[in-house]
Amino acid sequence: MKQFSSTELANRTGDVLAAAAQRPVTIAKHGKARFVVLTTEQFEAMQRGLDTRRSVHVSELDDAEASALISALQDSIEND
């Protein structure tokens, strides 16, 4: 998840909102994540339980899931 400082939020509001339009972003205060900014659609989907994300330990991933995770991480490193 992309993170902005509270100072960046004050000085670059447009950039923060543009990033949040793509995916949720965290706002950090004194280096620690304190808030999350997300679209209303994302928030409403969470409220309705439509968010299908889940958490698992990496040892529980099958080969296809592990490959998908590695690809997503590489994409994030290269593009964020």
Protein backbone atom coordinates (compact mmCIF):
# COMPACT_ATOMS: atom_id res chain seq x y z
CA MET A 1 0.00 0.00 0.00
CA LYS A 2 1.39 3.38 -0.94
CA GLN A 3 2.07 5.69 2.00
CA PHE A 4 2.14 9.47 2.33
CA SER A 5 3.12 11.55 5.32
CA SER A 6 0.64 13.97 6.88
CA THR A 7 2.82 16.80 5.52
CA GLU A 8 2.54 15.35 2.02
CA LEU A 9 -1.22 15.17 2.46
CA ALA A 10 -1.27 18.89 3.28
CA ASN A 11 1.10 19.88 0.47
CA ARG A 12 0.18 17.36 -2.25
CA THR A 13 -3.51 16.69 -1.69
CA GLY A 14 -4.14 16.16 -5.40
CA ASP A 15 -1.41 13.52 -5.65
CA VAL A 16 -2.70 11.72 -2.55
CA LEU A 17 -6.27 11.68 -3.86
CA ALA A 18 -5.12 10.53 -7.30
CA ALA A 19 -3.26 7.61 -5.71
CA ALA A 20 -6.26 6.80 -3.48
CA ALA A 21 -8.50 6.70 -6.55
CA GLN A 22 -6.44 3.72 -7.76
CA ARG A 23 -6.08 1.85 -4.45
CA PRO A 24 -6.17 2.67 -0.73
CA VAL A 25 -3.22 4.69 0.62
CA THR A 26 -1.99 5.18 4.16
CA ILE A 27 -1.28 8.51 5.81
CA ALA A 28 1.58 8.41 8.28
CA LYS A 29 2.16 10.71 11.21
CA HIS A 30 5.62 10.66 12.78
CA GLY A 31 6.55 7.75 10.51
CA LYS A 32 3.70 5.48 11.65
CA ALA A 33 0.64 4.70 9.50
CA ARG A 34 -2.39 6.29 11.18
CA PHE A 35 -5.09 6.66 8.53
CA VAL A 36 -6.26 5.04 5.29
CA VAL A 37 -7.72 6.98 2.37
CA LEU A 38 -9.88 5.03 -0.07
CA THR A 39 -12.73 5.63 -2.46
CA THR A 40 -16.33 5.50 -1.31
CA GLU A 41 -16.85 2.52 -3.60
CA GLN A 42 -14.02 0.62 -1.92
CA PHE A 43 -15.33 1.53 1.53
CA GLU A 44 -18.90 0.49 0.68
CA ALA A 45 -17.68 -2.82 -0.76
CA MET A 46 -15.83 -3.47 2.50
CA GLN A 47 -18.95 -2.61 4.49
CA ARG A 48 -21.05 -5.01 2.42
CA GLY A 49 -18.48 -7.77 2.77
CA LEU A 50 -17.74 -7.84 -0.95
CA ASP A 51 -14.00 -7.59 -0.39
CA THR A 52 -12.77 -11.12 -1.07
CA ARG A 53 -9.20 -10.57 0.08
CA ARG A 54 -7.88 -12.95 2.68
CA SER A 55 -4.73 -13.40 4.66
CA VAL A 56 -2.65 -16.57 4.70
CA HIS A 57 0.86 -17.52 5.70
CA VAL A 58 3.17 -17.88 2.71
CA SER A 59 3.65 -21.54 3.56
CA GLU A 60 -0.06 -22.08 2.80
CA LEU A 61 0.18 -20.79 -0.79
CA ASP A 62 0.02 -23.23 -3.67
CA ASP A 63 2.38 -22.78 -6.62
CA ALA A 64 -0.06 -20.65 -8.65
CA GLU A 65 -0.78 -18.35 -5.69
CA ALA A 66 2.93 -18.00 -4.90
CA SER A 67 3.68 -17.10 -8.53
CA ALA A 68 0.87 -14.54 -8.56
CA LEU A 69 2.19 -13.00 -5.34
CA ILE A 70 5.74 -12.79 -6.68
CA SER A 71 4.49 -11.16 -9.90
CA ALA A 72 2.42 -8.63 -7.98
CA LEU A 73 5.36 -7.77 -5.72
CA GLN A 74 7.70 -7.34 -8.70
CA ASP A 75 5.13 -5.10 -10.41
CA SER A 76 4.78 -3.02 -7.25
CA ILE A 77 8.55 -2.62 -6.92
CA GLU A 78 8.92 -1.58 -10.54
CA ASN A 79 5.89 0.72 -10.76
CA ASP A 80 5.31 2.30 -7.35
